[in-house]
Amino acid sequence: MSEPDWLICAREAQAIAQTGLAYCRDVYDRERYEQLRALASRLMAGFVNAPSERIDDFFRAEQGYATPKVDVRTAVFDNRGRVLLVREKIDGDRWTLPGGWADVNLTPGENALKELREESGYIGEIRKLAAVWDRGKQGHPPDPFSCVKMFFIADIVGGEPMTSIETSAIGWFGRHELPKALSMGRVLPHQLARMFDHRAHPDLPTDFD
């Protein structure tokens, strides 16, 4: 599923403005990049029904060369072939794979295991990188920023089930028993289905794009 053209244009304009502001030295160029960022904010705000000032605050917080953000997700399964999902408080108690934004000074795999431990209480060990997907190509709801989503398959090696300040419940779900209330900004049904495929066929290559 493709993203709407307005979102692609607004995001690209913001990225050009952000990168330009990071490297320009001419006061007139800086003024032009700030105008471009303001236009990107207005365009985004017009479609997401939010004040352009609020969008502009988000964009101003992004500095340096514009690159995609990195989101990590971890799929672990029990001996009955059920996948572990957690319920996110911030998203109306909707279900998702444990995960979140990658932190600096940690590898993608370390980030995935950290999120698994923090959100579910379980300690894991990475088995494979199952997928590296561009968020915008997957059918997630529109988002102001470009994002790469990394999905790992892991085994549980310790810990015990425990909710956190971010999660309200932990559950195990079979392939045909997945909850309807998914956190669609974080995980989609076809992505979960693909994790079941990777679990059943460990020799599958990593999915990408």
N, C-alpha and C. Protein backbone atom coordinates (compact mmCIF):
# COMPACT_ATOMS: atom_id res chain seq x y z
N MET A 1 0.84 -1.19 0.00
CA MET A 1 0.00 0.00 0.00
C MET A 1 0.88 1.25 0.00
N SER A 2 0.62 2.15 -0.94
CA SER A 2 1.44 3.36 -1.07
C SER A 2 0.93 4.46 -0.15
N GLU A 3 1.84 5.30 0.28
CA GLU A 3 1.47 6.45 1.09
C GLU A 3 0.89 7.54 0.20
N PRO A 4 0.04 8.42 0.75
CA PRO A 4 -0.51 9.52 -0.05
C PRO A 4 0.59 10.47 -0.50
N ASP A 5 0.38 11.06 -1.66
CA ASP A 5 1.40 11.93 -2.25
C ASP A 5 1.68 13.14 -1.37
N TRP A 6 0.65 13.67 -0.70
CA TRP A 6 0.86 14.85 0.13
C TRP A 6 1.83 14.54 1.27
N LEU A 7 1.75 13.33 1.81
CA LEU A 7 2.63 12.96 2.92
C LEU A 7 4.06 12.82 2.43
N ILE A 8 4.24 12.19 1.29
CA ILE A 8 5.59 12.02 0.72
C ILE A 8 6.22 13.39 0.45
N CYS A 9 5.42 14.30 -0.13
CA CYS A 9 5.95 15.63 -0.46
C CYS A 9 6.28 16.42 0.80
N ALA A 10 5.40 16.39 1.80
CA ALA A 10 5.65 17.14 3.03
C ALA A 10 6.87 16.60 3.76
N ARG A 11 6.99 15.29 3.81
CA ARG A 11 8.12 14.66 4.50
C ARG A 11 9.43 14.98 3.77
N GLU A 12 9.41 14.95 2.44
CA GLU A 12 10.63 15.23 1.69
C GLU A 12 11.03 16.70 1.83
N ALA A 13 10.04 17.59 1.82
CA ALA A 13 10.34 19.01 2.00
C ALA A 13 10.95 19.26 3.38
N GLN A 14 10.42 18.59 4.39
CA GLN A 14 10.97 18.75 5.73
C GLN A 14 12.40 18.23 5.79
N ALA A 15 12.66 17.08 5.15
CA ALA A 15 14.00 16.50 5.17
C ALA A 15 15.00 17.42 4.46
N ILE A 16 14.59 17.99 3.34
CA ILE A 16 15.47 18.92 2.61
C ILE A 16 15.77 20.14 3.48
N ALA A 17 14.73 20.65 4.13
CA ALA A 17 14.92 21.82 5.00
C ALA A 17 15.83 21.49 6.17
N GLN A 18 15.62 20.35 6.80
CA GLN A 18 16.43 19.96 7.95
C GLN A 18 17.89 19.80 7.58
N THR A 19 18.16 19.10 6.49
CA THR A 19 19.54 18.90 6.05
C THR A 19 20.16 20.22 5.62
N GLY A 20 19.39 21.04 4.92
CA GLY A 20 19.90 22.34 4.49
C GLY A 20 20.29 23.22 5.67
N LEU A 21 19.44 23.24 6.71
CA LEU A 21 19.74 24.04 7.89
C LEU A 21 20.96 23.52 8.65
N ALA A 22 21.24 22.23 8.51
CA ALA A 22 22.40 21.65 9.19
C ALA A 22 23.71 22.07 8.56
N TYR A 23 23.69 22.36 7.25
CA TYR A 23 24.95 22.59 6.55
C TYR A 23 25.10 23.98 5.95
N CYS A 24 24.02 24.73 5.82
CA CYS A 24 24.14 26.04 5.16
C CYS A 24 24.87 27.03 6.06
N ARG A 25 25.57 27.95 5.44
CA ARG A 25 26.30 28.99 6.16
C ARG A 25 25.82 30.38 5.79
N ASP A 26 25.08 30.47 4.72
CA ASP A 26 24.59 31.75 4.22
C ASP A 26 23.27 32.10 4.92
N VAL A 27 23.15 33.32 5.44
CA VAL A 27 21.97 33.73 6.18
C VAL A 27 20.73 33.70 5.31
N TYR A 28 20.88 33.97 4.02
CA TYR A 28 19.73 33.96 3.12
C TYR A 28 19.28 32.53 2.83
N ASP A 29 20.24 31.62 2.70
CA ASP A 29 19.88 30.22 2.51
C ASP A 29 19.16 29.68 3.74
N ARG A 30 19.64 30.07 4.92
CA ARG A 30 18.97 29.62 6.15
C ARG A 30 17.52 30.10 6.19
N GLU A 31 17.31 31.33 5.78
CA GLU A 31 15.94 31.86 5.77
C GLU A 31 15.06 31.06 4.81
N ARG A 32 15.62 30.69 3.65
CA ARG A 32 14.84 29.93 2.67
C ARG A 32 14.51 28.53 3.20
N TYR A 33 15.46 27.88 3.87
CA TYR A 33 15.21 26.54 4.42
C TYR A 33 14.18 26.61 5.55
N GLU A 34 14.22 27.68 6.33
CA GLU A 34 13.22 27.83 7.39
C GLU A 34 11.83 28.04 6.78
N GLN A 35 11.77 28.77 5.66
CA GLN A 35 10.49 28.93 4.97
C GLN A 35 9.99 27.60 4.41
N LEU A 36 10.92 26.81 3.89
CA LEU A 36 10.54 25.50 3.36
C LEU A 36 10.02 24.60 4.47
N ARG A 37 10.66 24.63 5.63
CA ARG A 37 10.19 23.84 6.77
C ARG A 37 8.80 24.29 7.20
N ALA A 38 8.57 25.60 7.21
CA ALA A 38 7.25 26.11 7.57
C ALA A 38 6.19 25.65 6.58
N LEU A 39 6.52 25.62 5.29
CA LEU A 39 5.58 25.14 4.27
C LEU A 39 5.28 23.66 4.47
N ALA A 40 6.32 22.88 4.81
CA ALA A 40 6.11 21.46 5.07
C ALA A 40 5.19 21.27 6.27
N SER A 41 5.35 22.10 7.28
CA SER A 41 4.49 22.02 8.47
C SER A 41 3.05 22.34 8.12
N ARG A 42 2.84 23.38 7.32
CA ARG A 42 1.49 23.75 6.91
C ARG A 42 0.84 22.66 6.09
N LEU A 43 1.60 22.06 5.20
CA LEU A 43 1.06 20.99 4.35
C LEU A 43 0.67 19.79 5.21
N MET A 44 1.55 19.40 6.13
CA MET A 44 1.26 18.27 7.00
C MET A 44 0.06 18.57 7.89
N ALA A 45 0.02 19.76 8.46
CA ALA A 45 -1.06 20.12 9.38
C ALA A 45 -2.41 20.13 8.68
N GLY A 46 -2.43 20.51 7.42
CA GLY A 46 -3.68 20.58 6.68
C GLY A 46 -4.35 19.24 6.50
N PHE A 47 -3.57 18.17 6.51
CA PHE A 47 -4.12 16.84 6.27
C PHE A 47 -4.29 16.03 7.55
N VAL A 48 -3.56 16.37 8.60
CA VAL A 48 -3.68 15.60 9.84
C VAL A 48 -4.53 16.34 10.87
N ASN A 49 -5.08 17.48 10.48
CA ASN A 49 -5.98 18.26 11.36
C ASN A 49 -5.31 18.61 12.68
N ALA A 50 -4.12 19.19 12.57
CA ALA A 50 -3.38 19.64 13.75
C ALA A 50 -2.83 21.04 13.46
N PRO A 51 -2.62 21.86 14.49
CA PRO A 51 -2.07 23.20 14.28
C PRO A 51 -0.68 23.11 13.64
N SER A 52 -0.43 23.98 12.67
CA SER A 52 0.87 23.95 12.00
C SER A 52 1.99 24.28 12.97
N GLU A 53 1.69 25.06 14.01
CA GLU A 53 2.72 25.39 15.00
C GLU A 53 3.19 24.13 15.72
N ARG A 54 2.25 23.22 16.00
CA ARG A 54 2.62 21.98 16.69
C ARG A 54 3.48 21.10 15.80
N ILE A 55 3.10 21.02 14.52
CA ILE A 55 3.91 20.24 13.57
C ILE A 55 5.28 20.87 13.43
N ASP A 56 5.33 22.19 13.37
CA ASP A 56 6.61 22.88 13.22
C ASP A 56 7.51 22.62 14.42
N ASP A 57 6.93 22.50 15.62
CA ASP A 57 7.73 22.19 16.81
C ASP A 57 8.38 20.81 16.66
N PHE A 58 7.62 19.84 16.13
CA PHE A 58 8.18 18.51 15.89
C PHE A 58 9.34 18.60 14.92
N PHE A 59 9.15 19.34 13.84
CA PHE A 59 10.18 19.44 12.82
C PHE A 59 11.41 20.19 13.32
N ARG A 60 11.21 21.22 14.11
CA ARG A 60 12.34 21.99 14.64
C ARG A 60 13.22 21.14 15.56
N ALA A 61 12.61 20.17 16.22
CA ALA A 61 13.37 19.31 17.14
C ALA A 61 14.32 18.37 16.39
N GLU A 62 14.08 18.17 15.09
CA GLU A 62 14.93 17.30 14.29
C GLU A 62 16.09 18.12 13.71
N GLN A 63 17.30 17.73 14.02
CA GLN A 63 18.47 18.48 13.57
C GLN A 63 19.48 17.55 12.94
N GLY A 64 20.38 18.13 12.13
CA GLY A 64 21.39 17.34 11.44
C GLY A 64 20.86 16.76 10.15
N TYR A 65 21.65 15.90 9.54
CA TYR A 65 21.25 15.28 8.28
C TYR A 65 20.01 14.42 8.51
N ALA A 66 18.99 14.58 7.68
CA ALA A 66 17.73 13.86 7.87
C ALA A 66 17.87 12.41 7.43
N THR A 67 17.64 11.49 8.34
CA THR A 67 17.67 10.06 8.04
C THR A 67 16.43 9.40 8.63
N PRO A 68 16.07 8.20 8.17
CA PRO A 68 14.91 7.51 8.75
C PRO A 68 15.14 7.16 10.21
N LYS A 69 14.07 7.17 10.98
CA LYS A 69 14.12 6.66 12.34
C LYS A 69 14.12 5.14 12.29
N VAL A 70 14.55 4.50 13.38
CA VAL A 70 14.63 3.03 13.43
C VAL A 70 13.73 2.51 14.55
N ASP A 71 12.80 1.64 14.17
CA ASP A 71 11.91 0.97 15.12
C ASP A 71 12.26 -0.51 15.13
N VAL A 72 12.35 -1.11 16.32
CA VAL A 72 12.67 -2.54 16.43
C VAL A 72 11.50 -3.29 17.05
N ARG A 73 11.25 -4.51 16.56
CA ARG A 73 10.18 -5.37 17.08
C ARG A 73 10.73 -6.78 17.25
N THR A 74 10.27 -7.46 18.30
CA THR A 74 10.76 -8.81 18.58
C THR A 74 9.60 -9.79 18.64
N ALA A 75 9.70 -10.85 17.86
CA ALA A 75 8.69 -11.92 17.86
C ALA A 75 9.27 -13.14 18.56
N VAL A 76 8.66 -13.53 19.67
CA VAL A 76 9.04 -14.77 20.36
C VAL A 76 7.82 -15.68 20.43
N PHE A 77 8.07 -16.98 20.42
CA PHE A 77 6.99 -17.96 20.37
C PHE A 77 7.16 -18.96 21.50
N ASP A 78 6.01 -19.49 22.00
CA ASP A 78 6.09 -20.52 23.01
C ASP A 78 6.10 -21.90 22.34
N ASN A 79 6.12 -22.97 23.16
CA ASN A 79 6.22 -24.31 22.58
C ASN A 79 4.93 -24.78 21.91
N ARG A 80 3.89 -23.96 21.97
CA ARG A 80 2.66 -24.24 21.25
C ARG A 80 2.56 -23.43 19.97
N GLY A 81 3.63 -22.71 19.64
CA GLY A 81 3.65 -21.94 18.41
C GLY A 81 2.90 -20.63 18.49
N ARG A 82 2.65 -20.13 19.70
CA ARG A 82 1.94 -18.87 19.86
C ARG A 82 2.93 -17.71 20.00
N VAL A 83 2.56 -16.57 19.47
CA VAL A 83 3.44 -15.40 19.52
C VAL A 83 3.10 -14.55 20.75
N LEU A 84 4.14 -13.91 21.30
CA LEU A 84 3.97 -13.03 22.45
C LEU A 84 3.61 -11.62 21.99
N LEU A 85 2.52 -11.09 22.52
CA LEU A 85 2.13 -9.71 22.25
C LEU A 85 1.96 -8.98 23.57
N VAL A 86 2.17 -7.66 23.54
CA VAL A 86 1.95 -6.82 24.71
C VAL A 86 0.93 -5.75 24.35
N ARG A 87 0.23 -5.27 25.37
CA ARG A 87 -0.80 -4.25 25.14
C ARG A 87 -0.26 -2.90 25.56
N GLU A 88 -0.26 -1.95 24.62
CA GLU A 88 0.34 -0.64 24.82
C GLU A 88 -0.66 0.33 25.46
N LYS A 89 -0.32 0.86 26.63
CA LYS A 89 -1.20 1.82 27.30
C LYS A 89 -1.40 3.08 26.47
N ILE A 90 -0.33 3.55 25.84
CA ILE A 90 -0.38 4.83 25.13
C ILE A 90 -1.26 4.78 23.90
N ASP A 91 -1.60 3.58 23.45
CA ASP A 91 -2.40 3.42 22.23
C ASP A 91 -3.74 2.76 22.54
N GLY A 92 -4.32 3.11 23.65
CA GLY A 92 -5.64 2.61 23.98
C GLY A 92 -5.69 1.12 24.25
N ASP A 93 -4.63 0.62 24.86
CA ASP A 93 -4.56 -0.81 25.20
C ASP A 93 -4.69 -1.70 23.97
N ARG A 94 -4.01 -1.33 22.91
CA ARG A 94 -3.97 -2.16 21.71
C ARG A 94 -2.71 -3.02 21.72
N TRP A 95 -2.78 -4.15 21.02
CA TRP A 95 -1.73 -5.16 21.08
C TRP A 95 -0.67 -4.96 20.01
N THR A 96 0.56 -5.34 20.35
CA THR A 96 1.67 -5.24 19.41
C THR A 96 2.79 -6.19 19.83
N LEU A 97 3.72 -6.41 18.94
CA LEU A 97 4.97 -7.07 19.32
C LEU A 97 5.77 -6.14 20.23
N PRO A 98 6.48 -6.66 21.22
CA PRO A 98 7.33 -5.80 22.03
C PRO A 98 8.33 -5.04 21.14
N GLY A 99 8.51 -3.78 21.45
CA GLY A 99 9.45 -3.00 20.63
C GLY A 99 9.33 -1.52 20.87
N GLY A 100 10.07 -0.75 20.07
CA GLY A 100 10.05 0.69 20.19
C GLY A 100 11.19 1.32 19.40
N TRP A 101 11.40 2.60 19.61
CA TRP A 101 12.49 3.30 18.93
C TRP A 101 13.84 2.76 19.42
N ALA A 102 14.77 2.63 18.50
CA ALA A 102 16.11 2.17 18.85
C ALA A 102 16.87 3.28 19.57
N ASP A 103 17.56 2.92 20.64
CA ASP A 103 18.37 3.86 21.40
C ASP A 103 19.80 3.87 20.87
N VAL A 104 20.48 4.98 21.07
CA VAL A 104 21.88 5.09 20.66
C VAL A 104 22.75 4.20 21.56
N ASN A 105 23.92 3.85 21.04
CA ASN A 105 24.92 3.05 21.74
C ASN A 105 24.51 1.60 21.97
N LEU A 106 23.42 1.17 21.33
CA LEU A 106 23.01 -0.22 21.35
C LEU A 106 22.83 -0.70 19.92
N THR A 107 23.19 -1.94 19.65
CA THR A 107 22.97 -2.50 18.32
C THR A 107 21.47 -2.71 18.13
N PRO A 108 21.01 -2.90 16.88
CA PRO A 108 19.59 -3.18 16.68
C PRO A 108 19.11 -4.38 17.49
N GLY A 109 19.91 -5.47 17.51
CA GLY A 109 19.53 -6.64 18.27
C GLY A 109 19.45 -6.38 19.76
N GLU A 110 20.41 -5.61 20.28
CA GLU A 110 20.40 -5.27 21.71
C GLU A 110 19.18 -4.42 22.04
N ASN A 111 18.83 -3.52 21.14
CA ASN A 111 17.63 -2.71 21.35
C ASN A 111 16.39 -3.58 21.40
N ALA A 112 16.31 -4.54 20.48
CA ALA A 112 15.14 -5.42 20.42
C ALA A 112 14.99 -6.21 21.71
N LEU A 113 16.08 -6.73 22.23
CA LEU A 113 16.03 -7.51 23.46
C LEU A 113 15.73 -6.63 24.67
N LYS A 114 16.24 -5.40 24.66
CA LYS A 114 15.95 -4.46 25.74
C LYS A 114 14.45 -4.17 25.81
N GLU A 115 13.85 -3.91 24.64
CA GLU A 115 12.42 -3.63 24.59
C GLU A 115 11.60 -4.84 25.03
N LEU A 116 12.03 -6.04 24.62
CA LEU A 116 11.36 -7.26 25.04
C LEU A 116 11.36 -7.39 26.56
N ARG A 117 12.52 -7.16 27.16
CA ARG A 117 12.65 -7.29 28.61
C ARG A 117 11.82 -6.22 29.33
N GLU A 118 11.90 -4.98 28.86
CA GLU A 118 11.21 -3.88 29.53
C GLU A 118 9.69 -3.99 29.42
N GLU A 119 9.20 -4.46 28.29
CA GLU A 119 7.76 -4.45 28.06
C GLU A 119 7.06 -5.75 28.46
N SER A 120 7.81 -6.85 28.54
CA SER A 120 7.16 -8.12 28.85
C SER A 120 7.75 -8.85 30.07
N GLY A 121 8.96 -8.48 30.49
CA GLY A 121 9.62 -9.16 31.60
C GLY A 121 10.48 -10.33 31.18
N TYR A 122 10.42 -10.72 29.91
CA TYR A 122 11.17 -11.88 29.44
C TYR A 122 12.57 -11.48 28.95
N ILE A 123 13.53 -12.36 29.16
CA ILE A 123 14.88 -12.20 28.63
C ILE A 123 14.99 -13.07 27.38
N GLY A 124 15.47 -12.49 26.31
CA GLY A 124 15.51 -13.21 25.04
C GLY A 124 16.90 -13.34 24.46
N GLU A 125 16.98 -14.15 23.42
CA GLU A 125 18.21 -14.32 22.65
C GLU A 125 17.82 -14.30 21.18
N ILE A 126 18.46 -13.43 20.42
CA ILE A 126 18.11 -13.27 19.00
C ILE A 126 18.46 -14.53 18.21
N ARG A 127 17.50 -14.97 17.42
CA ARG A 127 17.73 -16.10 16.52
C ARG A 127 18.04 -15.62 15.11
N LYS A 128 17.28 -14.62 14.62
CA LYS A 128 17.50 -14.13 13.27
C LYS A 128 16.83 -12.77 13.09
N LEU A 129 17.33 -12.04 12.10
CA LEU A 129 16.67 -10.83 11.63
C LEU A 129 15.69 -11.26 10.55
N ALA A 130 14.40 -11.12 10.82
CA ALA A 130 13.39 -11.63 9.90
C ALA A 130 13.02 -10.63 8.82
N ALA A 131 13.01 -9.33 9.15
CA ALA A 131 12.55 -8.35 8.16
C ALA A 131 13.10 -6.97 8.46
N VAL A 132 13.36 -6.22 7.40
CA VAL A 132 13.70 -4.80 7.47
C VAL A 132 12.78 -4.11 6.48
N TRP A 133 11.75 -3.45 7.00
CA TRP A 133 10.72 -2.87 6.15
C TRP A 133 10.65 -1.36 6.30
N ASP A 134 10.42 -0.69 5.18
CA ASP A 134 10.14 0.74 5.21
C ASP A 134 8.71 0.93 5.70
N ARG A 135 8.54 1.70 6.74
CA ARG A 135 7.22 1.88 7.34
C ARG A 135 6.18 2.36 6.34
N GLY A 136 6.59 3.27 5.48
CA GLY A 136 5.65 3.86 4.54
C GLY A 136 5.15 2.92 3.47
N LYS A 137 5.87 1.84 3.23
CA LYS A 137 5.48 0.88 2.19
C LYS A 137 4.61 -0.24 2.74
N GLN A 138 4.39 -0.27 4.05
CA GLN A 138 3.73 -1.41 4.67
C GLN A 138 2.23 -1.23 4.91
N GLY A 139 1.75 0.00 4.85
CA GLY A 139 0.33 0.23 5.08
C GLY A 139 0.00 0.75 6.47
N HIS A 140 1.01 1.21 7.20
CA HIS A 140 0.75 1.81 8.51
C HIS A 140 0.06 3.17 8.34
N PRO A 141 -0.59 3.67 9.37
CA PRO A 141 -1.18 5.02 9.30
C PRO A 141 -0.10 6.06 8.98
N PRO A 142 -0.48 7.16 8.33
CA PRO A 142 0.49 8.20 7.97
C PRO A 142 1.26 8.71 9.18
N ASP A 143 2.54 9.00 8.98
CA ASP A 143 3.40 9.50 10.04
C ASP A 143 4.30 10.59 9.46
N PRO A 144 4.60 11.64 10.23
CA PRO A 144 5.41 12.73 9.69
C PRO A 144 6.81 12.32 9.27
N PHE A 145 7.38 11.29 9.91
CA PHE A 145 8.77 10.96 9.66
C PHE A 145 8.93 9.61 8.98
N SER A 146 9.98 9.51 8.18
CA SER A 146 10.33 8.24 7.55
C SER A 146 10.88 7.31 8.62
N CYS A 147 10.59 6.01 8.47
CA CYS A 147 10.97 5.04 9.50
C CYS A 147 11.31 3.70 8.89
N VAL A 148 12.37 3.07 9.39
CA VAL A 148 12.72 1.70 9.05
C VAL A 148 12.35 0.81 10.22
N LYS A 149 11.61 -0.27 9.95
CA LYS A 149 11.18 -1.18 11.00
C LYS A 149 11.95 -2.49 10.87
N MET A 150 12.61 -2.90 11.96
CA MET A 150 13.40 -4.12 11.98
C MET A 150 12.72 -5.16 12.88
N PHE A 151 12.41 -6.32 12.31
CA PHE A 151 11.72 -7.39 13.04
C PHE A 151 12.68 -8.55 13.29
N PHE A 152 12.79 -8.95 14.55
CA PHE A 152 13.68 -10.05 14.94
C PHE A 152 12.86 -11.23 15.44
N ILE A 153 13.37 -12.44 15.22
CA ILE A 153 12.86 -13.65 15.86
C ILE A 153 13.80 -13.97 17.02
N ALA A 154 13.25 -14.20 18.20
CA ALA A 154 14.09 -14.47 19.37
C ALA A 154 13.52 -15.63 20.18
N ASP A 155 14.38 -16.22 20.99
CA ASP A 155 13.98 -17.28 21.93
C ASP A 155 14.00 -16.72 23.34
N ILE A 156 13.09 -17.16 24.17
CA ILE A 156 13.08 -16.77 25.58
C ILE A 156 14.07 -17.65 26.34
N VAL A 157 14.98 -17.01 27.06
CA VAL A 157 15.99 -17.75 27.82
C VAL A 157 15.91 -17.46 29.32
N GLY A 158 14.97 -16.63 29.73
CA GLY A 158 14.84 -16.32 31.15
C GLY A 158 13.78 -15.27 31.40
N GLY A 159 13.71 -14.82 32.62
CA GLY A 159 12.74 -13.81 33.00
C GLY A 159 11.38 -14.41 33.31
N GLU A 160 10.43 -13.54 33.56
CA GLU A 160 9.07 -13.97 33.84
C GLU A 160 8.12 -12.88 33.37
N PRO A 161 6.86 -13.24 33.06
CA PRO A 161 5.93 -12.24 32.53
C PRO A 161 5.69 -11.11 33.51
N MET A 162 5.82 -9.86 33.01
CA MET A 162 5.68 -8.70 33.87
C MET A 162 5.34 -7.49 33.01
N THR A 163 4.29 -6.77 33.36
CA THR A 163 3.95 -5.55 32.64
C THR A 163 4.87 -4.42 33.09
N SER A 164 4.75 -3.28 32.40
CA SER A 164 5.64 -2.15 32.68
C SER A 164 4.83 -0.87 32.68
N ILE A 165 5.51 0.25 32.79
CA ILE A 165 4.82 1.54 32.72
C ILE A 165 4.23 1.78 31.34
N GLU A 166 4.69 1.02 30.34
CA GLU A 166 4.21 1.18 28.98
C GLU A 166 3.14 0.17 28.60
N THR A 167 3.09 -0.97 29.29
CA THR A 167 2.20 -2.06 28.89
C THR A 167 1.22 -2.41 30.01
N SER A 168 0.02 -2.81 29.59
CA SER A 168 -1.01 -3.15 30.58
C SER A 168 -1.31 -4.64 30.62
N ALA A 169 -0.83 -5.41 29.64
CA ALA A 169 -1.09 -6.85 29.62
C ALA A 169 -0.10 -7.54 28.70
N ILE A 170 0.06 -8.86 28.92
CA ILE A 170 0.92 -9.70 28.11
C ILE A 170 0.10 -10.93 27.72
N GLY A 171 0.21 -11.35 26.47
CA GLY A 171 -0.58 -12.50 26.06
C GLY A 171 0.09 -13.30 24.95
N TRP A 172 -0.32 -14.57 24.84
CA TRP A 172 0.18 -15.46 23.79
C TRP A 172 -0.96 -15.76 22.83
N PHE A 173 -0.69 -15.66 21.52
CA PHE A 173 -1.74 -15.78 20.52
C PHE A 173 -1.29 -16.69 19.37
N GLY A 174 -2.18 -17.61 18.98
CA GLY A 174 -1.93 -18.44 17.83
C GLY A 174 -2.13 -17.68 16.54
N ARG A 175 -1.70 -18.26 15.45
CA ARG A 175 -1.77 -17.58 14.15
C ARG A 175 -3.19 -17.16 13.79
N HIS A 176 -4.16 -17.96 14.16
CA HIS A 176 -5.55 -17.66 13.83
C HIS A 176 -6.34 -17.17 15.03
N GLU A 177 -5.63 -16.70 16.04
CA GLU A 177 -6.26 -16.20 17.26
C GLU A 177 -5.79 -14.79 17.60
N LEU A 178 -5.25 -14.08 16.63
CA LEU A 178 -4.69 -12.76 16.90
C LEU A 178 -5.79 -11.77 17.26
N PRO A 179 -5.52 -10.88 18.20
CA PRO A 179 -6.54 -9.89 18.59
C PRO A 179 -6.82 -8.91 17.46
N LYS A 180 -8.07 -8.47 17.40
CA LYS A 180 -8.45 -7.49 16.37
C LYS A 180 -7.93 -6.10 16.71
N ALA A 181 -7.79 -5.83 18.00
CA ALA A 181 -7.35 -4.50 18.43
C ALA A 181 -5.83 -4.43 18.42
N LEU A 182 -5.26 -4.34 17.21
CA LEU A 182 -3.81 -4.21 17.07
C LEU A 182 -3.43 -2.73 17.05
N SER A 183 -2.24 -2.44 17.54
CA SER A 183 -1.68 -1.10 17.45
C SER A 183 -1.11 -0.93 16.05
N MET A 184 -1.94 -0.44 15.14
CA MET A 184 -1.61 -0.45 13.72
C MET A 184 -0.41 0.43 13.37
N GLY A 185 -0.10 1.40 14.20
CA GLY A 185 1.09 2.19 13.97
C GLY A 185 2.37 1.43 14.27
N ARG A 186 2.24 0.32 15.00
CA ARG A 186 3.41 -0.46 15.41
C ARG A 186 3.53 -1.78 14.66
N VAL A 187 2.42 -2.46 14.46
CA VAL A 187 2.48 -3.77 13.78
C VAL A 187 1.18 -4.01 13.03
N LEU A 188 1.28 -4.69 11.90
CA LEU A 188 0.13 -4.98 11.05
C LEU A 188 -0.11 -6.48 10.95
N PRO A 189 -1.34 -6.89 10.65
CA PRO A 189 -1.63 -8.33 10.57
C PRO A 189 -0.72 -9.11 9.63
N HIS A 190 -0.42 -8.54 8.45
CA HIS A 190 0.42 -9.30 7.52
C HIS A 190 1.87 -9.40 8.01
N GLN A 191 2.30 -8.44 8.84
CA GLN A 191 3.64 -8.54 9.42
C GLN A 191 3.69 -9.66 10.46
N LEU A 192 2.65 -9.77 11.27
CA LEU A 192 2.58 -10.86 12.23
C LEU A 192 2.53 -12.21 11.52
N ALA A 193 1.76 -12.27 10.44
CA ALA A 193 1.68 -13.52 9.67
C ALA A 193 3.05 -13.92 9.15
N ARG A 194 3.81 -12.93 8.73
CA ARG A 194 5.15 -13.23 8.21
C ARG A 194 6.07 -13.71 9.32
N MET A 195 5.90 -13.23 10.55
CA MET A 195 6.71 -13.72 11.66
C MET A 195 6.40 -15.20 11.93
N PHE A 196 5.14 -15.60 11.79
CA PHE A 196 4.80 -17.01 11.93
C PHE A 196 5.48 -17.83 10.83
N ASP A 197 5.56 -17.26 9.62
CA ASP A 197 6.25 -17.95 8.52
C ASP A 197 7.72 -18.16 8.86
N HIS A 198 8.36 -17.12 9.39
CA HIS A 198 9.79 -17.22 9.72
C HIS A 198 10.02 -18.20 10.87
N ARG A 199 9.08 -18.26 11.78
CA ARG A 199 9.22 -19.21 12.87
C ARG A 199 9.10 -20.64 12.35
N ALA A 200 8.17 -20.87 11.42
CA ALA A 200 7.96 -22.21 10.88
C ALA A 200 9.06 -22.62 9.91
N HIS A 201 9.67 -21.64 9.26
CA HIS A 201 10.70 -21.91 8.26
C HIS A 201 11.93 -21.05 8.56
N PRO A 202 12.78 -21.49 9.50
CA PRO A 202 13.92 -20.68 9.94
C PRO A 202 14.91 -20.34 8.83
N ASP A 203 14.89 -21.09 7.72
CA ASP A 203 15.82 -20.83 6.64
C ASP A 203 15.36 -19.75 5.68
N LEU A 204 14.18 -19.17 5.91
CA LEU A 204 13.72 -18.08 5.05
C LEU A 204 14.70 -16.92 5.11
N PRO A 205 15.00 -16.29 3.96
CA PRO A 205 15.86 -15.12 3.99
C PRO A 205 15.17 -13.93 4.61
N THR A 206 15.95 -12.94 5.01
CA THR A 206 15.40 -11.73 5.59
C THR A 206 14.57 -10.98 4.55
N ASP A 207 13.35 -10.60 4.91
CA ASP A 207 12.53 -9.75 4.04
C ASP A 207 13.04 -8.32 4.13
N PHE A 208 12.93 -7.59 3.03
CA PHE A 208 13.35 -6.19 3.08
C PHE A 208 12.56 -5.35 2.08
N ASP A 209 12.60 -4.05 2.33
CA ASP A 209 11.89 -3.03 1.56
C ASP A 209 10.40 -3.05 1.84
